[in-house]
Amino acid sequence: LAAGLRAAGAMTSNSDRLAINSLAQWCAENELTEIRLTKAFPSIGDNSVSCSQMGRDFSVKMAVRGTPNPNFRRVEAQVFDDRNRPLLTITTIVGRNS
């Protein structure tokens, strides 16, 4: 019985972690999509935005860096939970729209 309870607890914990990571991914994807939709070439630098998904609060740190080709920028979205623990990082390349 004890082993079954531990297994059920582990499954619940994994399910919660997966749900939180999915919500964090939505936050990161929303910020990256906003950059693409504005069609503005992002400025190099860092900024932070808050994001709420399904009643949970997250912080998204956006870091824009140059690349060897000046027509592209590397954009990284790192998501933190409400205790400022990193959850995930998504990185993409954004090109200059001519």
PDB file of N, CA and C in Angstrom:
ATOM      1  N   LEU A   1       0.831  -1.197   0.000  1.00  0.00           N
ATOM      2  CA  LEU A   1       0.000   0.000   0.000  1.00  0.00           C
ATOM      3  C   LEU A   1       0.873   1.259   0.000  1.00  0.00           C
ATOM      4  N   ALA A   2       1.950   1.232   0.818  1.00  0.00           N
ATOM      5  CA  ALA A   2       2.839   2.393   0.900  1.00  0.00           C
ATOM      6  C   ALA A   2       3.512   2.662  -0.445  1.00  0.00           C
ATOM      7  N   ALA A   3       3.934   1.592  -1.111  1.00  0.00           N
ATOM      8  CA  ALA A   3       4.567   1.764  -2.419  1.00  0.00           C
ATOM      9  C   ALA A   3       3.590   2.344  -3.426  1.00  0.00           C
ATOM     10  N   GLY A   4       2.347   1.917  -3.359  1.00  0.00           N
ATOM     11  CA  GLY A   4       1.323   2.453  -4.263  1.00  0.00           C
ATOM     12  C   GLY A   4       1.059   3.921  -4.005  1.00  0.00           C
ATOM     13  N   LEU A   5       1.042   4.320  -2.741  1.00  0.00           N
ATOM     14  CA  LEU A   5       0.849   5.729  -2.400  1.00  0.00           C
ATOM     15  C   LEU A   5       2.022   6.579  -2.865  1.00  0.00           C
ATOM     16  N   ARG A   6       3.254   6.075  -2.714  1.00  0.00           N
ATOM     17  CA  ARG A   6       4.429   6.811  -3.194  1.00  0.00           C
ATOM     18  C   ARG A   6       4.380   6.967  -4.710  1.00  0.00           C
ATOM     19  N   ALA A   7       4.005   5.920  -5.402  1.00  0.00           N
ATOM     20  CA  ALA A   7       3.917   5.981  -6.865  1.00  0.00           C
ATOM     21  C   ALA A   7       2.846   6.978  -7.300  1.00  0.00           C
ATOM     22  N   ALA A   8       1.703   6.973  -6.632  1.00  0.00           N
ATOM     23  CA  ALA A   8       0.629   7.916  -6.960  1.00  0.00           C
ATOM     24  C   ALA A   8       1.081   9.346  -6.673  1.00  0.00           C
ATOM     25  N   GLY A   9       1.805   9.549  -5.561  1.00  0.00           N
ATOM     26  CA  GLY A   9       2.322  10.871  -5.230  1.00  0.00           C
ATOM     27  C   GLY A   9       3.323  11.353  -6.253  1.00  0.00           C
ATOM     28  N   ALA A  10       4.198  10.460  -6.723  1.00  0.00           N
ATOM     29  CA  ALA A  10       5.179  10.825  -7.733  1.00  0.00           C
ATOM     30  C   ALA A  10       4.493  11.191  -9.049  1.00  0.00           C
ATOM     31  N   MET A  11       3.453  10.453  -9.409  1.00  0.00           N
ATOM     32  CA  MET A  11       2.729  10.751 -10.641  1.00  0.00           C
ATOM     33  C   MET A  11       2.037  12.107 -10.545  1.00  0.00           C
ATOM     34  N   THR A  12       1.476  12.419  -9.388  1.00  0.00           N
ATOM     35  CA  THR A  12       0.823  13.710  -9.192  1.00  0.00           C
ATOM     36  C   THR A  12       1.841  14.836  -9.274  1.00  0.00           C
ATOM     37  N   SER A  13       2.991  14.640  -8.648  1.00  0.00           N
ATOM     38  CA  SER A  13       4.058  15.650  -8.683  1.00  0.00           C
ATOM     39  C   SER A  13       4.543  15.878 -10.107  1.00  0.00           C
ATOM     40  N   ASN A  14       4.741  14.799 -10.860  1.00  0.00           N
ATOM     41  CA  ASN A  14       5.170  14.926 -12.259  1.00  0.00           C
ATOM     42  C   ASN A  14       4.113  15.622 -13.091  1.00  0.00           C
ATOM     43  N   SER A  15       2.858  15.335 -12.833  1.00  0.00           N
ATOM     44  CA  SER A  15       1.760  15.961 -13.564  1.00  0.00           C
ATOM     45  C   SER A  15       1.725  17.465 -13.287  1.00  0.00           C
ATOM     46  N   ASP A  16       1.904  17.848 -12.022  1.00  0.00           N
ATOM     47  CA  ASP A  16       1.935  19.269 -11.665  1.00  0.00           C
ATOM     48  C   ASP A  16       3.106  19.973 -12.336  1.00  0.00           C
ATOM     49  N   ARG A  17       4.270  19.340 -12.318  1.00  0.00           N
ATOM     50  CA  ARG A  17       5.461  19.941 -12.944  1.00  0.00           C
ATOM     51  C   ARG A  17       5.262  20.112 -14.450  1.00  0.00           C
ATOM     52  N   LEU A  18       4.663  19.136 -15.083  1.00  0.00           N
ATOM     53  CA  LEU A  18       4.395  19.223 -16.511  1.00  0.00           C
ATOM     54  C   LEU A  18       3.415  20.355 -16.808  1.00  0.00           C
ATOM     55  N   ALA A  19       2.386  20.492 -15.990  1.00  0.00           N
ATOM     56  CA  ALA A  19       1.406  21.567 -16.182  1.00  0.00           C
ATOM     57  C   ALA A  19       2.060  22.938 -16.023  1.00  0.00           C
ATOM     58  N   ILE A  20       2.888  23.096 -15.006  1.00  0.00           N
ATOM     59  CA  ILE A  20       3.566  24.378 -14.787  1.00  0.00           C
ATOM     60  C   ILE A  20       4.517  24.689 -15.939  1.00  0.00           C
ATOM     61  N   ASN A  21       5.253  23.693 -16.410  1.00  0.00           N
ATOM     62  CA  ASN A  21       6.163  23.919 -17.539  1.00  0.00           C
ATOM     63  C   ASN A  21       5.399  24.258 -18.812  1.00  0.00           C
ATOM     64  N   SER A  22       4.237  23.675 -18.999  1.00  0.00           N
ATOM     65  CA  SER A  22       3.413  24.014 -20.168  1.00  0.00           C
ATOM     66  C   SER A  22       2.949  25.463 -20.100  1.00  0.00           C
ATOM     67  N   LEU A  23       2.519  25.903 -18.920  1.00  0.00           N
ATOM     68  CA  LEU A  23       2.094  27.296 -18.756  1.00  0.00           C
ATOM     69  C   LEU A  23       3.269  28.244 -18.970  1.00  0.00           C
ATOM     70  N   ALA A  24       4.438  27.874 -18.462  1.00  0.00           N
ATOM     71  CA  ALA A  24       5.632  28.691 -18.663  1.00  0.00           C
ATOM     72  C   ALA A  24       5.991  28.779 -20.141  1.00  0.00           C
ATOM     73  N   GLN A  25       5.834  27.681 -20.857  1.00  0.00           N
ATOM     74  CA  GLN A  25       6.126  27.687 -22.288  1.00  0.00           C
ATOM     75  C   GLN A  25       5.161  28.612 -23.022  1.00  0.00           C
ATOM     76  N   TRP A  26       3.900  28.644 -22.617  1.00  0.00           N
ATOM     77  CA  TRP A  26       2.946  29.569 -23.239  1.00  0.00           C
ATOM     78  C   TRP A  26       3.408  31.004 -23.045  1.00  0.00           C
ATOM     79  N   CYS A  27       3.892  31.326 -21.824  1.00  0.00           N
ATOM     80  CA  CYS A  27       4.379  32.686 -21.566  1.00  0.00           C
ATOM     81  C   CYS A  27       5.540  33.032 -22.496  1.00  0.00           C
ATOM     82  N   ALA A  28       6.504  32.136 -22.599  1.00  0.00           N
ATOM     83  CA  ALA A  28       7.667  32.393 -23.461  1.00  0.00           C
ATOM     84  C   ALA A  28       7.251  32.514 -24.917  1.00  0.00           C
ATOM     85  N   GLU A  29       6.417  31.602 -25.380  1.00  0.00           N
ATOM     86  CA  GLU A  29       5.973  31.645 -26.777  1.00  0.00           C
ATOM     87  C   GLU A  29       5.168  32.910 -27.072  1.00  0.00           C
ATOM     88  N   ASN A  30       4.356  33.359 -26.112  1.00  0.00           N
ATOM     89  CA  ASN A  30       3.593  34.597 -26.318  1.00  0.00           C
ATOM     90  C   ASN A  30       4.523  35.784 -26.534  1.00  0.00           C
ATOM     91  N   GLU A  31       5.588  35.876 -25.747  1.00  0.00           N
ATOM     92  CA  GLU A  31       6.523  36.997 -25.887  1.00  0.00           C
ATOM     93  C   GLU A  31       7.284  36.922 -27.208  1.00  0.00           C
ATOM     94  N   LEU A  32       7.715  35.739 -27.591  1.00  0.00           N
ATOM     95  CA  LEU A  32       8.429  35.588 -28.864  1.00  0.00           C
ATOM     96  C   LEU A  32       7.510  35.854 -30.050  1.00  0.00           C
ATOM     97  N   THR A  33       6.264  35.423 -29.949  1.00  0.00           N
ATOM     98  CA  THR A  33       5.293  35.667 -31.018  1.00  0.00           C
ATOM     99  C   THR A  33       5.001  37.151 -31.142  1.00  0.00           C
ATOM    100  N   GLU A  34       4.930  37.850 -30.017  1.00  0.00           N
ATOM    101  CA  GLU A  34       4.690  39.299 -30.065  1.00  0.00           C
ATOM    102  C   GLU A  34       5.812  40.009 -30.820  1.00  0.00           C
ATOM    103  N   ILE A  35       7.045  39.580 -30.607  1.00  0.00           N
ATOM    104  CA  ILE A  35       8.170  40.181 -31.341  1.00  0.00           C
ATOM    105  C   ILE A  35       8.007  39.943 -32.838  1.00  0.00           C
ATOM    106  N   ARG A  36       7.638  38.726 -33.214  1.00  0.00           N
ATOM    107  CA  ARG A  36       7.471  38.416 -34.640  1.00  0.00           C
ATOM    108  C   ARG A  36       6.319  39.202 -35.264  1.00  0.00           C
ATOM    109  N   LEU A  37       5.212  39.338 -34.526  1.00  0.00           N
ATOM    110  CA  LEU A  37       4.033  40.002 -35.077  1.00  0.00           C
ATOM    111  C   LEU A  37       4.188  41.518 -35.201  1.00  0.00           C
ATOM    112  N   THR A  38       4.989  42.119 -34.343  1.00  0.00           N
ATOM    113  CA  THR A  38       5.194  43.569 -34.454  1.00  0.00           C
ATOM    114  C   THR A  38       6.028  43.917 -35.673  1.00  0.00           C
ATOM    115  N   LYS A  39       6.767  42.938 -36.194  1.00  0.00           N
ATOM    116  CA  LYS A  39       7.614  43.103 -37.370  1.00  0.00           C
ATOM    117  C   LYS A  39       8.635  44.215 -37.207  1.00  0.00           C
ATOM    118  N   ALA A  40       8.950  44.533 -35.949  1.00  0.00           N
ATOM    119  CA  ALA A  40       9.999  45.499 -35.668  1.00  0.00           C
ATOM    120  C   ALA A  40      11.266  44.731 -35.309  1.00  0.00           C
ATOM    121  N   PHE A  41      12.395  45.198 -35.813  1.00  0.00           N
ATOM    122  CA  PHE A  41      13.663  44.561 -35.517  1.00  0.00           C
ATOM    123  C   PHE A  41      13.988  44.850 -34.048  1.00  0.00           C
ATOM    124  N   PRO A  42      14.108  43.821 -33.197  1.00  0.00           N
ATOM    125  CA  PRO A  42      14.275  44.068 -31.756  1.00  0.00           C
ATOM    126  C   PRO A  42      15.614  44.720 -31.436  1.00  0.00           C
ATOM    127  N   SER A  43      15.587  45.626 -30.475  1.00  0.00           N
ATOM    128  CA  SER A  43      16.807  46.283 -30.012  1.00  0.00           C
ATOM    129  C   SER A  43      17.573  45.348 -29.080  1.00  0.00           C
ATOM    130  N   ILE A  44      18.884  45.438 -29.131  1.00  0.00           N
ATOM    131  CA  ILE A  44      19.720  44.630 -28.252  1.00  0.00           C
ATOM    132  C   ILE A  44      19.532  45.107 -26.819  1.00  0.00           C
ATOM    133  N   GLY A  45      19.366  44.158 -25.906  1.00  0.00           N
ATOM    134  CA  GLY A  45      19.209  44.483 -24.496  1.00  0.00           C
ATOM    135  C   GLY A  45      18.346  43.473 -23.779  1.00  0.00           C
ATOM    136  N   ASP A  46      18.095  43.755 -22.511  1.00  0.00           N
ATOM    137  CA  ASP A  46      17.304  42.869 -21.649  1.00  0.00           C
ATOM    138  C   ASP A  46      16.082  43.608 -21.136  1.00  0.00           C
ATOM    139  N   ASN A  47      15.013  42.877 -20.920  1.00  0.00           N
ATOM    140  CA  ASN A  47      13.857  43.404 -20.215  1.00  0.00           C
ATOM    141  C   ASN A  47      13.085  42.241 -19.601  1.00  0.00           C
ATOM    142  N   SER A  48      12.227  42.568 -18.667  1.00  0.00           N
ATOM    143  CA  SER A  48      11.416  41.553 -17.993  1.00  0.00           C
ATOM    144  C   SER A  48       9.955  41.938 -18.084  1.00  0.00           C
ATOM    145  N   VAL A  49       9.117  40.940 -18.251  1.00  0.00           N
ATOM    146  CA  VAL A  49       7.670  41.150 -18.269  1.00  0.00           C
ATOM    147  C   VAL A  49       7.037  40.092 -17.379  1.00  0.00           C
ATOM    148  N   SER A  50       5.862  40.421 -16.876  1.00  0.00           N
ATOM    149  CA  SER A  50       5.132  39.435 -16.077  1.00  0.00           C
ATOM    150  C   SER A  50       4.103  38.755 -16.966  1.00  0.00           C
ATOM    151  N   CYS A  51       3.743  37.556 -16.573  1.00  0.00           N
ATOM    152  CA  CYS A  51       2.795  36.771 -17.351  1.00  0.00           C
ATOM    153  C   CYS A  51       1.950  35.952 -16.381  1.00  0.00           C
ATOM    154  N   SER A  52       0.656  35.957 -16.594  1.00  0.00           N
ATOM    155  CA  SER A  52      -0.249  35.123 -15.804  1.00  0.00           C
ATOM    156  C   SER A  52      -0.928  34.131 -16.733  1.00  0.00           C
ATOM    157  N   GLN A  53      -0.904  32.886 -16.335  1.00  0.00           N
ATOM    158  CA  GLN A  53      -1.563  31.827 -17.089  1.00  0.00           C
ATOM    159  C   GLN A  53      -2.325  30.951 -16.106  1.00  0.00           C
ATOM    160  N   MET A  54      -3.627  30.846 -16.296  1.00  0.00           N
ATOM    161  CA  MET A  54      -4.476  29.971 -15.495  1.00  0.00           C
ATOM    162  C   MET A  54      -4.259  30.173 -13.991  1.00  0.00           C
ATOM    163  N   GLY A  55      -4.192  31.434 -13.571  1.00  0.00           N
ATOM    164  CA  GLY A  55      -4.068  31.742 -12.160  1.00  0.00           C
ATOM    165  C   GLY A  55      -2.669  31.652 -11.585  1.00  0.00           C
ATOM    166  N   ARG A  56      -1.680  31.368 -12.398  1.00  0.00           N
ATOM    167  CA  ARG A  56      -0.295  31.294 -11.931  1.00  0.00           C
ATOM    168  C   ARG A  56       0.482  32.466 -12.513  1.00  0.00           C
ATOM    169  N   ASP A  57       1.374  33.018 -11.704  1.00  0.00           N
ATOM    170  CA  ASP A  57       2.177  34.157 -12.129  1.00  0.00           C
ATOM    171  C   ASP A  57       3.589  33.712 -12.464  1.00  0.00           C
ATOM    172  N   PHE A  58       4.086  34.249 -13.574  1.00  0.00           N
ATOM    173  CA  PHE A  58       5.432  33.957 -14.038  1.00  0.00           C
ATOM    174  C   PHE A  58       6.123  35.270 -14.386  1.00  0.00           C
ATOM    175  N   SER A  59       7.436  35.225 -14.438  1.00  0.00           N
ATOM    176  CA  SER A  59       8.232  36.351 -14.911  1.00  0.00           C
ATOM    177  C   SER A  59       9.022  35.868 -16.115  1.00  0.00           C
ATOM    178  N   VAL A  60       9.041  36.678 -17.168  1.00  0.00           N
ATOM    179  CA  VAL A  60       9.750  36.308 -18.389  1.00  0.00           C
ATOM    180  C   VAL A  60      10.863  37.321 -18.615  1.00  0.00           C
ATOM    181  N   LYS A  61      12.100  36.841 -18.624  1.00  0.00           N
ATOM    182  CA  LYS A  61      13.246  37.696 -18.916  1.00  0.00           C
ATOM    183  C   LYS A  61      13.582  37.535 -20.387  1.00  0.00           C
ATOM    184  N   MET A  62      13.506  38.634 -21.113  1.00  0.00           N
ATOM    185  CA  MET A  62      13.816  38.628 -22.539  1.00  0.00           C
ATOM    186  C   MET A  62      15.218  39.190 -22.732  1.00  0.00           C
ATOM    187  N   ALA A  63      16.052  38.473 -23.451  1.00  0.00           N
ATOM    188  CA  ALA A  63      17.414  38.911 -23.744  1.00  0.00           C
ATOM    189  C   ALA A  63      17.603  38.900 -25.259  1.00  0.00           C
ATOM    190  N   VAL A  64      17.923  40.067 -25.814  1.00  0.00           N
ATOM    191  CA  VAL A  64      18.153  40.185 -27.254  1.00  0.00           C
ATOM    192  C   VAL A  64      19.644  40.446 -27.457  1.00  0.00           C
ATOM    193  N   ARG A  65      20.273  39.631 -28.277  1.00  0.00           N
ATOM    194  CA  ARG A  65      21.701  39.733 -28.541  1.00  0.00           C
ATOM    195  C   ARG A  65      21.940  39.808 -30.043  1.00  0.00           C
ATOM    196  N   GLY A  66      23.042  40.420 -30.403  1.00  0.00           N
ATOM    197  CA  GLY A  66      23.433  40.476 -31.804  1.00  0.00           C
ATOM    198  C   GLY A  66      23.983  39.135 -32.259  1.00  0.00           C
ATOM    199  N   THR A  67      24.091  38.990 -33.563  1.00  0.00           N
ATOM    200  CA  THR A  67      24.688  37.794 -34.159  1.00  0.00           C
ATOM    201  C   THR A  67      25.794  38.255 -35.105  1.00  0.00           C
ATOM    202  N   PRO A  68      26.608  37.335 -35.606  1.00  0.00           N
ATOM    203  CA  PRO A  68      27.631  37.742 -36.573  1.00  0.00           C
ATOM    204  C   PRO A  68      27.041  38.425 -37.814  1.00  0.00           C
ATOM    205  N   ASN A  69      25.821  38.064 -38.180  1.00  0.00           N
ATOM    206  CA  ASN A  69      25.143  38.713 -39.295  1.00  0.00           C
ATOM    207  C   ASN A  69      24.261  39.824 -38.717  1.00  0.00           C
ATOM    208  N   PRO A  70      24.522  41.092 -39.065  1.00  0.00           N
ATOM    209  CA  PRO A  70      23.766  42.198 -38.467  1.00  0.00           C
ATOM    210  C   PRO A  70      22.282  42.213 -38.837  1.00  0.00           C
ATOM    211  N   ASN A  71      21.855  41.372 -39.767  1.00  0.00           N
ATOM    212  CA  ASN A  71      20.446  41.311 -40.147  1.00  0.00           C
ATOM    213  C   ASN A  71      19.635  40.352 -39.280  1.00  0.00           C
ATOM    214  N   PHE A  72      20.271  39.753 -38.286  1.00  0.00           N
ATOM    215  CA  PHE A  72      19.592  38.805 -37.409  1.00  0.00           C
ATOM    216  C   PHE A  72      19.914  39.108 -35.956  1.00  0.00           C
ATOM    217  N   ARG A  73      18.965  38.790 -35.086  1.00  0.00           N
ATOM    218  CA  ARG A  73      19.152  38.931 -33.649  1.00  0.00           C
ATOM    219  C   ARG A  73      18.763  37.615 -32.980  1.00  0.00           C
ATOM    220  N   ARG A  74      19.494  37.295 -31.933  1.00  0.00           N
ATOM    221  CA  ARG A  74      19.188  36.114 -31.113  1.00  0.00           C
ATOM    222  C   ARG A  74      18.316  36.588 -29.957  1.00  0.00           C
ATOM    223  N   VAL A  75      17.138  35.980 -29.816  1.00  0.00           N
ATOM    224  CA  VAL A  75      16.195  36.374 -28.778  1.00  0.00           C
ATOM    225  C   VAL A  75      15.958  35.170 -27.865  1.00  0.00           C
ATOM    226  N   GLU A  76      16.184  35.397 -26.562  1.00  0.00           N
ATOM    227  CA  GLU A  76      16.022  34.340 -25.575  1.00  0.00           C
ATOM    228  C   GLU A  76      14.958  34.758 -24.575  1.00  0.00           C
ATOM    229  N   ALA A  77      14.006  33.866 -24.333  1.00  0.00           N
ATOM    230  CA  ALA A  77      12.965  34.082 -23.325  1.00  0.00           C
ATOM    231  C   ALA A  77      13.169  33.050 -22.227  1.00  0.00           C
ATOM    232  N   GLN A  78      13.487  33.539 -21.030  1.00  0.00           N
ATOM    233  CA  GLN A  78      13.675  32.645 -19.883  1.00  0.00           C
ATOM    234  C   GLN A  78      12.543  32.913 -18.899  1.00  0.00           C
ATOM    235  N   VAL A  79      11.849  31.848 -18.497  1.00  0.00           N
ATOM    236  CA  VAL A  79      10.673  31.973 -17.644  1.00  0.00           C
ATOM    237  C   VAL A  79      11.006  31.503 -16.229  1.00  0.00           C
ATOM    238  N   PHE A  80      10.554  32.309 -15.247  1.00  0.00           N
ATOM    239  CA  PHE A  80      10.763  32.019 -13.833  1.00  0.00           C
ATOM    240  C   PHE A  80       9.416  31.883 -13.144  1.00  0.00           C
ATOM    241  N   ASP A  81       9.359  31.048 -12.108  1.00  0.00           N
ATOM    242  CA  ASP A  81       8.118  30.911 -11.340  1.00  0.00           C
ATOM    243  C   ASP A  81       8.007  32.041 -10.322  1.00  0.00           C
ATOM    244  N   ASP A  82       6.984  31.986  -9.481  1.00  0.00           N
ATOM    245  CA  ASP A  82       6.753  33.060  -8.514  1.00  0.00           C
ATOM    246  C   ASP A  82       7.802  33.105  -7.406  1.00  0.00           C
ATOM    247  N   ARG A  83       8.641  32.085  -7.310  1.00  0.00           N
ATOM    248  CA  ARG A  83       9.753  32.078  -6.352  1.00  0.00           C
ATOM    249  C   ARG A  83      11.077  32.414  -7.028  1.00  0.00           C
ATOM    250  N   ASN A  84      10.998  32.889  -8.256  1.00  0.00           N
ATOM    251  CA  ASN A  84      12.156  33.276  -9.070  1.00  0.00           C
ATOM    252  C   ASN A  84      13.069  32.094  -9.403  1.00  0.00           C
ATOM    253  N   ARG A  85      12.486  30.902  -9.515  1.00  0.00           N
ATOM    254  CA  ARG A  85      13.235  29.723  -9.940  1.00  0.00           C
ATOM    255  C   ARG A  85      13.068  29.579 -11.447  1.00  0.00           C
ATOM    256  N   PRO A  86      14.166  29.347 -12.195  1.00  0.00           N
ATOM    257  CA  PRO A  86      14.043  29.188 -13.641  1.00  0.00           C
ATOM    258  C   PRO A  86      13.288  27.916 -13.999  1.00  0.00           C
ATOM    259  N   LEU A  87      12.372  28.050 -14.960  1.00  0.00           N
ATOM    260  CA  LEU A  87      11.574  26.902 -15.405  1.00  0.00           C
ATOM    261  C   LEU A  87      12.003  26.415 -16.776  1.00  0.00           C
ATOM    262  N   LEU A  88      12.163  27.347 -17.707  1.00  0.00           N
ATOM    263  CA  LEU A  88      12.575  26.954 -19.052  1.00  0.00           C
ATOM    264  C   LEU A  88      13.110  28.154 -19.811  1.00  0.00           C
ATOM    265  N   THR A  89      13.819  27.855 -20.885  1.00  0.00           N
ATOM    266  CA  THR A  89      14.379  28.882 -21.760  1.00  0.00           C
ATOM    267  C   THR A  89      14.091  28.484 -23.209  1.00  0.00           C
ATOM    268  N   ILE A  90      13.616  29.446 -23.976  1.00  0.00           N
ATOM    269  CA  ILE A  90      13.395  29.230 -25.409  1.00  0.00           C
ATOM    270  C   ILE A  90      14.182  30.307 -26.149  1.00  0.00           C
ATOM    271  N   THR A  91      14.908  29.906 -27.145  1.00  0.00           N
ATOM    272  CA  THR A  91      15.736  30.827 -27.928  1.00  0.00           C
ATOM    273  C   THR A  91      15.346  30.733 -29.396  1.00  0.00           C
ATOM    274  N   THR A  92      15.318  31.872 -30.063  1.00  0.00           N
ATOM    275  CA  THR A  92      15.022  31.895 -31.490  1.00  0.00           C
ATOM    276  C   THR A  92      15.862  32.990 -32.156  1.00  0.00           C
ATOM    277  N   ILE A  93      15.832  33.000 -33.456  1.00  0.00           N
ATOM    278  CA  ILE A  93      16.508  34.017 -34.247  1.00  0.00           C
ATOM    279  C   ILE A  93      15.436  34.831 -34.971  1.00  0.00           C
ATOM    280  N   VAL A  94      15.595  36.157 -34.911  1.00  0.00           N
ATOM    281  CA  VAL A  94      14.656  37.065 -35.578  1.00  0.00           C
ATOM    282  C   VAL A  94      15.427  37.836 -36.641  1.00  0.00           C
ATOM    283  N   GLY A  95      14.871  37.870 -37.843  1.00  0.00           N
ATOM    284  CA  GLY A  95      15.509  38.590 -38.936  1.00  0.00           C
ATOM    285  C   GLY A  95      14.932  39.971 -39.144  1.00  0.00           C
ATOM    286  N   ARG A  96      15.725  40.814 -39.773  1.00  0.00           N
ATOM    287  CA  ARG A  96      15.292  42.155 -40.116  1.00  0.00           C
ATOM    288  C   ARG A  96      14.304  42.062 -41.272  1.00  0.00           C
ATOM    289  N   ASN A  97      13.160  42.715 -41.133  1.00  0.00           N
ATOM    290  CA  ASN A  97      12.161  42.736 -42.202  1.00  0.00           C
ATOM    291  C   ASN A  97      12.455  43.906 -43.121  1.00  0.00           C
ATOM    292  N   SER A  98      12.657  43.616 -44.375  1.00  0.00           N
ATOM    293  CA  SER A  98      12.980  44.679 -45.335  1.00  0.00           C
ATOM    294  C   SER A  98      11.759  45.084 -46.125  1.00  0.00           C
TER     295      SER A  98
END
